[in-house]
Amino acid sequence: GKGDGYRYKEMPPDGEVWKRSLKALDELARHRRESVFYALCKEDQVNLLEAVRTGERLGDLPARRTWSLWLRYACSAFYAHPWAWNEIGFGGPAYPRGYKNVGIGKREPWEVQEVDAHSPVAWAERVESARREQRLRRPAAGSARAAEVGE
């Protein structure tokens, strides 16, 4: 199959890297935890992935280049979804409506104002909003529902 058009010189084609790297990840899981990767608990999976990210080799492949490939494809898949577009304020492709306000600093009526990616304010507001919602959903102490969920 076709890749994304980018490949390190010392790496085989992407499809081959996927096959070999996932096989090597399973072998690493068997070696360290006596289990295939998918059957490991989340903590063990994270630890193995961190070993790949920071390691030198994954089987016969350079680990960091392999990690880079995995990350590229994961990001491509994630940001292909319109819900992810909403999270980053991307209004989607120009079709079918097209762009009419072309120029630096000019927004379409449907675009939101850009937020500085380094500003923690928007993230903090989302966290606090989620906390408030969670508190509102929590059953009252002593209620039958609270006893059911162990509160």
N, C-alpha and C. Protein backbone atom coordinates (compact mmCIF):
# COMPACT_ATOMS: atom_id res chain seq x y z
N GLY A 1 0.81 -1.19 0.00
CA GLY A 1 0.00 0.00 0.00
C GLY A 1 0.85 1.24 0.00
N LYS A 2 0.20 2.34 -0.18
CA LYS A 2 0.90 3.62 -0.22
C LYS A 2 1.09 4.17 1.18
N GLY A 3 2.20 4.84 1.38
CA GLY A 3 2.47 5.50 2.65
C GLY A 3 2.12 6.97 2.54
N ASP A 4 2.66 7.74 3.46
CA ASP A 4 2.36 9.18 3.46
C ASP A 4 3.37 9.99 2.65
N GLY A 5 4.27 9.31 1.93
CA GLY A 5 5.21 10.01 1.07
C GLY A 5 6.51 10.39 1.74
N TYR A 6 6.72 9.95 2.97
CA TYR A 6 7.94 10.29 3.69
C TYR A 6 8.53 9.01 4.26
N ARG A 7 9.85 8.82 4.06
CA ARG A 7 10.49 7.63 4.61
C ARG A 7 11.95 7.93 4.85
N TYR A 8 12.44 7.50 6.02
CA TYR A 8 13.86 7.61 6.31
C TYR A 8 14.61 6.64 5.40
N LYS A 9 15.80 7.06 4.97
CA LYS A 9 16.59 6.28 4.02
C LYS A 9 16.87 4.86 4.52
N GLU A 10 17.15 4.73 5.81
CA GLU A 10 17.53 3.42 6.35
C GLU A 10 16.32 2.54 6.70
N MET A 11 15.12 3.04 6.45
CA MET A 11 13.92 2.28 6.80
C MET A 11 13.31 1.62 5.57
N PRO A 12 12.73 0.43 5.76
CA PRO A 12 11.98 -0.20 4.66
C PRO A 12 10.67 0.55 4.43
N PRO A 13 9.91 0.18 3.41
CA PRO A 13 8.61 0.82 3.18
C PRO A 13 7.71 0.70 4.42
N ASP A 14 6.82 1.66 4.57
CA ASP A 14 5.99 1.75 5.78
C ASP A 14 5.23 0.47 6.09
N GLY A 15 4.64 -0.15 5.09
CA GLY A 15 3.88 -1.38 5.34
C GLY A 15 4.75 -2.47 5.94
N GLU A 16 5.97 -2.56 5.45
CA GLU A 16 6.91 -3.55 5.98
C GLU A 16 7.31 -3.20 7.41
N VAL A 17 7.52 -1.91 7.68
CA VAL A 17 7.87 -1.48 9.05
C VAL A 17 6.74 -1.84 10.00
N TRP A 18 5.49 -1.60 9.58
CA TRP A 18 4.36 -1.93 10.45
C TRP A 18 4.36 -3.41 10.81
N LYS A 19 4.49 -4.27 9.80
CA LYS A 19 4.47 -5.72 10.05
C LYS A 19 5.61 -6.14 10.98
N ARG A 20 6.82 -5.69 10.65
CA ARG A 20 7.99 -6.11 11.43
C ARG A 20 7.98 -5.50 12.83
N SER A 21 7.56 -4.25 12.95
CA SER A 21 7.60 -3.60 14.26
C SER A 21 6.55 -4.17 15.21
N LEU A 22 5.36 -4.46 14.70
CA LEU A 22 4.33 -5.03 15.57
C LEU A 22 4.70 -6.45 16.00
N LYS A 23 5.32 -7.19 15.09
CA LYS A 23 5.81 -8.53 15.46
C LYS A 23 6.89 -8.40 16.53
N ALA A 24 7.81 -7.44 16.35
CA ALA A 24 8.88 -7.23 17.33
C ALA A 24 8.32 -6.75 18.67
N LEU A 25 7.27 -5.94 18.64
CA LEU A 25 6.64 -5.48 19.89
C LEU A 25 6.04 -6.66 20.64
N ASP A 26 5.39 -7.55 19.93
CA ASP A 26 4.86 -8.76 20.57
C ASP A 26 5.99 -9.62 21.15
N GLU A 27 7.09 -9.74 20.40
CA GLU A 27 8.23 -10.53 20.89
C GLU A 27 8.82 -9.89 22.15
N LEU A 28 8.89 -8.56 22.16
CA LEU A 28 9.39 -7.85 23.35
C LEU A 28 8.46 -8.10 24.54
N ALA A 29 7.17 -8.06 24.29
CA ALA A 29 6.19 -8.32 25.36
C ALA A 29 6.33 -9.74 25.89
N ARG A 30 6.50 -10.68 24.99
CA ARG A 30 6.68 -12.08 25.42
C ARG A 30 7.96 -12.24 26.23
N HIS A 31 9.03 -11.57 25.78
CA HIS A 31 10.31 -11.66 26.47
C HIS A 31 10.24 -11.04 27.87
N ARG A 32 9.62 -9.87 27.97
CA ARG A 32 9.59 -9.16 29.26
C ARG A 32 8.44 -9.58 30.17
N ARG A 33 7.29 -9.92 29.58
CA ARG A 33 6.09 -10.16 30.39
C ARG A 33 5.42 -11.50 30.10
N GLU A 34 6.02 -12.31 29.24
CA GLU A 34 5.47 -13.63 28.91
C GLU A 34 4.01 -13.55 28.43
N SER A 35 3.73 -12.56 27.60
CA SER A 35 2.39 -12.35 27.07
C SER A 35 2.49 -11.56 25.78
N VAL A 36 1.49 -11.70 24.92
CA VAL A 36 1.44 -10.83 23.75
C VAL A 36 1.07 -9.42 24.20
N PHE A 37 1.44 -8.44 23.40
CA PHE A 37 1.27 -7.04 23.79
C PHE A 37 -0.18 -6.70 24.13
N TYR A 38 -1.13 -7.07 23.27
CA TYR A 38 -2.52 -6.65 23.48
C TYR A 38 -3.12 -7.21 24.76
N ALA A 39 -2.57 -8.30 25.27
CA ALA A 39 -3.12 -8.92 26.48
C ALA A 39 -2.53 -8.33 27.77
N LEU A 40 -1.53 -7.47 27.64
CA LEU A 40 -0.91 -6.87 28.82
C LEU A 40 -1.83 -5.82 29.44
N CYS A 41 -1.62 -5.55 30.72
CA CYS A 41 -2.35 -4.45 31.37
C CYS A 41 -1.83 -3.14 30.79
N LYS A 42 -2.61 -2.08 30.97
CA LYS A 42 -2.27 -0.78 30.40
C LYS A 42 -0.88 -0.32 30.85
N GLU A 43 -0.57 -0.48 32.12
CA GLU A 43 0.73 -0.03 32.64
C GLU A 43 1.89 -0.73 31.93
N ASP A 44 1.78 -2.04 31.74
CA ASP A 44 2.84 -2.77 31.04
C ASP A 44 2.93 -2.36 29.57
N GLN A 45 1.78 -2.10 28.95
CA GLN A 45 1.79 -1.63 27.56
C GLN A 45 2.50 -0.29 27.46
N VAL A 46 2.17 0.62 28.37
CA VAL A 46 2.81 1.94 28.36
C VAL A 46 4.32 1.81 28.57
N ASN A 47 4.72 0.95 29.49
CA ASN A 47 6.15 0.76 29.75
C ASN A 47 6.88 0.21 28.52
N LEU A 48 6.25 -0.72 27.82
CA LEU A 48 6.89 -1.26 26.61
C LEU A 48 6.96 -0.20 25.51
N LEU A 49 5.91 0.58 25.36
CA LEU A 49 5.93 1.64 24.35
C LEU A 49 7.00 2.68 24.69
N GLU A 50 7.15 2.98 25.95
CA GLU A 50 8.20 3.91 26.38
C GLU A 50 9.58 3.33 26.08
N ALA A 51 9.74 2.03 26.25
CA ALA A 51 11.01 1.38 25.92
C ALA A 51 11.31 1.50 24.43
N VAL A 52 10.29 1.41 23.60
CA VAL A 52 10.48 1.59 22.16
C VAL A 52 10.86 3.04 21.87
N ARG A 53 10.11 3.97 22.46
CA ARG A 53 10.35 5.40 22.21
C ARG A 53 11.77 5.82 22.58
N THR A 54 12.30 5.28 23.66
CA THR A 54 13.61 5.71 24.15
C THR A 54 14.73 4.73 23.80
N GLY A 55 14.39 3.60 23.19
CA GLY A 55 15.37 2.57 22.92
C GLY A 55 16.16 2.77 21.64
N GLU A 56 17.07 1.86 21.41
CA GLU A 56 17.91 1.90 20.22
C GLU A 56 17.33 1.05 19.09
N ARG A 57 16.88 -0.16 19.44
CA ARG A 57 16.40 -1.10 18.43
C ARG A 57 15.05 -1.68 18.83
N LEU A 58 14.25 -1.99 17.85
CA LEU A 58 13.03 -2.78 18.04
C LEU A 58 13.14 -3.90 17.03
N GLY A 59 13.55 -5.06 17.49
CA GLY A 59 13.86 -6.14 16.56
C GLY A 59 15.03 -5.71 15.69
N ASP A 60 14.84 -5.74 14.38
CA ASP A 60 15.91 -5.33 13.47
C ASP A 60 15.72 -3.89 12.97
N LEU A 61 14.82 -3.15 13.59
CA LEU A 61 14.52 -1.77 13.16
C LEU A 61 15.05 -0.76 14.16
N PRO A 62 15.42 0.44 13.68
CA PRO A 62 15.79 1.51 14.61
C PRO A 62 14.54 1.93 15.39
N ALA A 63 14.60 1.85 16.70
CA ALA A 63 13.41 2.08 17.54
C ALA A 63 12.87 3.50 17.38
N ARG A 64 13.74 4.49 17.37
CA ARG A 64 13.24 5.88 17.30
C ARG A 64 12.60 6.19 15.96
N ARG A 65 13.14 5.64 14.90
CA ARG A 65 12.53 5.84 13.58
C ARG A 65 11.17 5.12 13.52
N THR A 66 11.11 3.96 14.13
CA THR A 66 9.85 3.21 14.18
C THR A 66 8.82 3.99 14.98
N TRP A 67 9.24 4.53 16.12
CA TRP A 67 8.33 5.34 16.95
C TRP A 67 7.82 6.53 16.14
N SER A 68 8.70 7.16 15.39
CA SER A 68 8.32 8.31 14.57
C SER A 68 7.25 7.90 13.55
N LEU A 69 7.42 6.74 12.93
CA LEU A 69 6.43 6.26 11.97
C LEU A 69 5.09 6.01 12.66
N TRP A 70 5.13 5.33 13.80
CA TRP A 70 3.88 5.06 14.54
C TRP A 70 3.17 6.37 14.87
N LEU A 71 3.93 7.34 15.36
CA LEU A 71 3.35 8.62 15.77
C LEU A 71 2.76 9.37 14.58
N ARG A 72 3.48 9.37 13.45
CA ARG A 72 2.97 10.02 12.24
C ARG A 72 1.62 9.45 11.84
N TYR A 73 1.52 8.13 11.81
CA TYR A 73 0.27 7.51 11.39
C TYR A 73 -0.84 7.69 12.43
N ALA A 74 -0.50 7.64 13.70
CA ALA A 74 -1.51 7.85 14.75
C ALA A 74 -2.07 9.27 14.66
N CYS A 75 -1.20 10.25 14.48
CA CYS A 75 -1.66 11.64 14.36
C CYS A 75 -2.50 11.83 13.10
N SER A 76 -2.06 11.24 12.01
CA SER A 76 -2.83 11.34 10.75
C SER A 76 -4.23 10.76 10.93
N ALA A 77 -4.31 9.61 11.56
CA ALA A 77 -5.62 8.98 11.77
C ALA A 77 -6.48 9.82 12.70
N PHE A 78 -5.90 10.29 13.80
CA PHE A 78 -6.66 11.08 14.77
C PHE A 78 -7.17 12.36 14.14
N TYR A 79 -6.30 13.10 13.46
CA TYR A 79 -6.69 14.39 12.91
C TYR A 79 -7.44 14.29 11.59
N ALA A 80 -7.73 13.08 11.14
CA ALA A 80 -8.58 12.91 9.96
C ALA A 80 -10.05 13.00 10.34
N HIS A 81 -10.35 12.95 11.63
CA HIS A 81 -11.74 12.93 12.08
C HIS A 81 -12.24 14.36 12.37
N PRO A 82 -13.44 14.70 11.88
CA PRO A 82 -13.98 16.05 12.12
C PRO A 82 -14.09 16.43 13.60
N TRP A 83 -14.27 15.48 14.51
CA TRP A 83 -14.32 15.83 15.93
C TRP A 83 -12.97 16.39 16.37
N ALA A 84 -11.89 15.84 15.86
CA ALA A 84 -10.56 16.35 16.19
C ALA A 84 -10.38 17.74 15.58
N TRP A 85 -10.95 17.96 14.40
CA TRP A 85 -10.88 19.28 13.79
C TRP A 85 -11.51 20.32 14.71
N ASN A 86 -12.66 19.96 15.28
CA ASN A 86 -13.33 20.88 16.20
C ASN A 86 -12.44 21.21 17.39
N GLU A 87 -11.74 20.19 17.91
CA GLU A 87 -10.87 20.41 19.07
C GLU A 87 -9.78 21.43 18.80
N ILE A 88 -9.29 21.47 17.56
CA ILE A 88 -8.19 22.39 17.23
C ILE A 88 -8.69 23.64 16.51
N GLY A 89 -10.01 23.76 16.34
CA GLY A 89 -10.57 24.95 15.73
C GLY A 89 -10.45 24.99 14.21
N PHE A 90 -10.26 23.84 13.58
CA PHE A 90 -10.18 23.78 12.12
C PHE A 90 -11.58 23.57 11.58
N GLY A 91 -12.00 24.44 10.70
CA GLY A 91 -13.36 24.38 10.17
C GLY A 91 -13.56 23.35 9.08
N GLY A 92 -12.52 22.67 8.70
CA GLY A 92 -12.62 21.67 7.65
C GLY A 92 -12.20 22.22 6.31
N PRO A 93 -12.23 21.38 5.30
CA PRO A 93 -11.82 21.83 3.97
C PRO A 93 -12.77 22.90 3.44
N ALA A 94 -12.30 23.68 2.50
CA ALA A 94 -13.07 24.81 1.98
C ALA A 94 -14.31 24.37 1.20
N TYR A 95 -14.30 23.19 0.65
CA TYR A 95 -15.47 22.75 -0.09
C TYR A 95 -16.54 22.28 0.87
N PRO A 96 -17.81 22.32 0.64
CA PRO A 96 -18.39 22.85 -0.59
C PRO A 96 -18.57 24.37 -0.56
N ARG A 97 -18.41 25.00 0.61
CA ARG A 97 -18.75 26.43 0.69
C ARG A 97 -17.65 27.34 0.17
N GLY A 98 -16.40 26.95 0.22
CA GLY A 98 -15.30 27.79 -0.22
C GLY A 98 -14.97 28.85 0.81
N TYR A 99 -13.83 29.49 0.63
CA TYR A 99 -13.42 30.57 1.52
C TYR A 99 -13.70 31.90 0.84
N LYS A 100 -14.21 32.87 1.60
CA LYS A 100 -14.47 34.19 1.02
C LYS A 100 -13.60 35.26 1.66
N ASN A 101 -13.19 35.08 2.91
CA ASN A 101 -12.37 36.07 3.61
C ASN A 101 -10.91 35.63 3.60
N VAL A 102 -10.27 35.80 2.47
CA VAL A 102 -8.89 35.35 2.32
C VAL A 102 -7.95 36.46 2.76
N GLY A 103 -7.01 36.14 3.60
CA GLY A 103 -6.02 37.12 4.04
C GLY A 103 -5.60 36.85 5.47
N ILE A 104 -4.47 37.41 5.83
CA ILE A 104 -3.94 37.21 7.18
C ILE A 104 -4.86 37.85 8.20
N GLY A 105 -5.26 37.09 9.19
CA GLY A 105 -6.10 37.60 10.27
C GLY A 105 -7.58 37.70 9.94
N LYS A 106 -7.97 37.32 8.74
CA LYS A 106 -9.39 37.38 8.37
C LYS A 106 -10.00 36.00 8.57
N ARG A 107 -11.11 35.97 9.29
CA ARG A 107 -11.79 34.70 9.57
C ARG A 107 -13.11 34.61 8.82
N GLU A 108 -13.47 33.38 8.54
CA GLU A 108 -14.79 33.12 7.98
C GLU A 108 -15.80 33.24 9.13
N PRO A 109 -17.07 33.49 8.82
CA PRO A 109 -18.07 33.62 9.89
C PRO A 109 -18.17 32.37 10.78
N TRP A 110 -17.86 31.21 10.23
CA TRP A 110 -17.98 29.96 10.98
C TRP A 110 -16.71 29.60 11.74
N GLU A 111 -15.62 30.37 11.58
CA GLU A 111 -14.36 30.06 12.27
C GLU A 111 -14.33 30.68 13.66
N VAL A 112 -13.72 29.97 14.59
CA VAL A 112 -13.54 30.52 15.93
C VAL A 112 -12.19 31.22 16.01
N GLN A 113 -12.08 32.15 16.95
CA GLN A 113 -10.83 32.86 17.12
C GLN A 113 -9.76 31.91 17.64
N GLU A 114 -8.57 32.03 17.08
CA GLU A 114 -7.47 31.15 17.47
C GLU A 114 -7.05 31.44 18.90
N VAL A 115 -6.74 30.37 19.62
CA VAL A 115 -6.26 30.49 20.99
C VAL A 115 -4.79 30.10 21.00
N ASP A 116 -3.98 30.85 21.71
CA ASP A 116 -2.56 30.54 21.81
C ASP A 116 -2.40 29.13 22.35
N ALA A 117 -1.69 28.29 21.61
CA ALA A 117 -1.52 26.89 22.01
C ALA A 117 -0.78 26.77 23.34
N HIS A 118 -0.03 27.77 23.70
CA HIS A 118 0.72 27.72 24.95
C HIS A 118 -0.06 28.29 26.13
N SER A 119 -1.23 28.84 25.84
CA SER A 119 -2.05 29.41 26.91
C SER A 119 -2.76 28.30 27.67
N PRO A 120 -2.55 28.20 28.97
CA PRO A 120 -3.22 27.15 29.74
C PRO A 120 -4.67 27.49 30.09
N VAL A 121 -5.10 28.71 29.78
CA VAL A 121 -6.42 29.16 30.22
C VAL A 121 -7.54 28.29 29.64
N ALA A 122 -7.52 28.09 28.33
CA ALA A 122 -8.60 27.30 27.71
C ALA A 122 -8.63 25.88 28.28
N TRP A 123 -7.48 25.27 28.45
CA TRP A 123 -7.41 23.91 29.00
C TRP A 123 -7.93 23.91 30.43
N ALA A 124 -7.51 24.86 31.22
CA ALA A 124 -7.94 24.92 32.62
C ALA A 124 -9.45 25.12 32.71
N GLU A 125 -10.00 25.95 31.84
CA GLU A 125 -11.45 26.16 31.83
C GLU A 125 -12.19 24.86 31.50
N ARG A 126 -11.67 24.09 30.55
CA ARG A 126 -12.30 22.81 30.20
C ARG A 126 -12.22 21.83 31.35
N VAL A 127 -11.08 21.80 32.04
CA VAL A 127 -10.92 20.89 33.18
C VAL A 127 -11.90 21.26 34.28
N GLU A 128 -12.00 22.54 34.60
CA GLU A 128 -12.91 22.99 35.66
C GLU A 128 -14.36 22.71 35.28
N SER A 129 -14.71 22.91 34.02
CA SER A 129 -16.06 22.62 33.56
C SER A 129 -16.38 21.14 33.72
N ALA A 130 -15.44 20.28 33.37
CA ALA A 130 -15.63 18.83 33.52
C ALA A 130 -15.77 18.45 34.99
N ARG A 131 -14.99 19.10 35.85
CA ARG A 131 -15.08 18.81 37.29
C ARG A 131 -16.46 19.20 37.83
N ARG A 132 -16.95 20.37 37.39
CA ARG A 132 -18.28 20.81 37.84
C ARG A 132 -19.35 19.81 37.39
N GLU A 133 -19.27 19.39 36.13
CA GLU A 133 -20.24 18.42 35.62
C GLU A 133 -20.17 17.12 36.40
N GLN A 134 -18.97 16.68 36.73
CA GLN A 134 -18.80 15.44 37.49
C GLN A 134 -19.44 15.56 38.87
N ARG A 135 -19.22 16.70 39.52
CA ARG A 135 -19.82 16.91 40.85
C ARG A 135 -21.34 16.90 40.77
N LEU A 136 -21.89 17.50 39.71
CA LEU A 136 -23.35 17.53 39.55
C LEU A 136 -23.92 16.14 39.30
N ARG A 137 -23.17 15.28 38.65
CA ARG A 137 -23.64 13.93 38.34
C ARG A 137 -23.46 12.97 39.51
N ARG A 138 -22.61 13.32 40.46
CA ARG A 138 -22.34 12.44 41.60
C ARG A 138 -23.61 12.30 42.43
N PRO A 139 -23.98 11.08 42.78
CA PRO A 139 -25.20 10.87 43.59
C PRO A 139 -25.03 11.45 45.00
N ALA A 140 -26.14 11.91 45.55
CA ALA A 140 -26.12 12.48 46.90
C ALA A 140 -25.72 11.42 47.91
N ALA A 141 -24.94 11.82 48.92
CA ALA A 141 -24.49 10.89 49.96
C ALA A 141 -25.70 10.28 50.65
N GLY A 142 -25.66 8.98 50.89
CA GLY A 142 -26.74 8.29 51.57
C GLY A 142 -27.86 7.82 50.65
N SER A 143 -27.84 8.23 49.37
CA SER A 143 -28.90 7.80 48.45
C SER A 143 -28.65 6.36 48.02
N ALA A 144 -29.70 5.75 47.47
CA ALA A 144 -29.58 4.36 46.99
C ALA A 144 -28.54 4.28 45.88
N ARG A 145 -28.51 5.28 45.01
CA ARG A 145 -27.53 5.30 43.91
C ARG A 145 -26.11 5.42 44.46
N ALA A 146 -25.91 6.23 45.50
CA ALA A 146 -24.58 6.38 46.10
C ALA A 146 -24.12 5.05 46.68
N ALA A 147 -25.03 4.33 47.31
CA ALA A 147 -24.68 3.02 47.87
C ALA A 147 -24.34 2.04 46.76
N GLU A 148 -25.04 2.18 45.64
CA GLU A 148 -24.82 1.29 44.49
C GLU A 148 -23.43 1.48 43.89
N VAL A 149 -22.94 2.73 43.84
CA VAL A 149 -21.62 2.99 43.26
C VAL A 149 -20.54 3.04 44.32
N GLY A 150 -20.88 2.77 45.55
CA GLY A 150 -19.88 2.67 46.60
C GLY A 150 -19.45 3.98 47.22
N GLU A 151 -20.33 4.97 47.23
CA GLU A 151 -19.97 6.25 47.87
C GLU A 151 -20.65 6.40 49.21
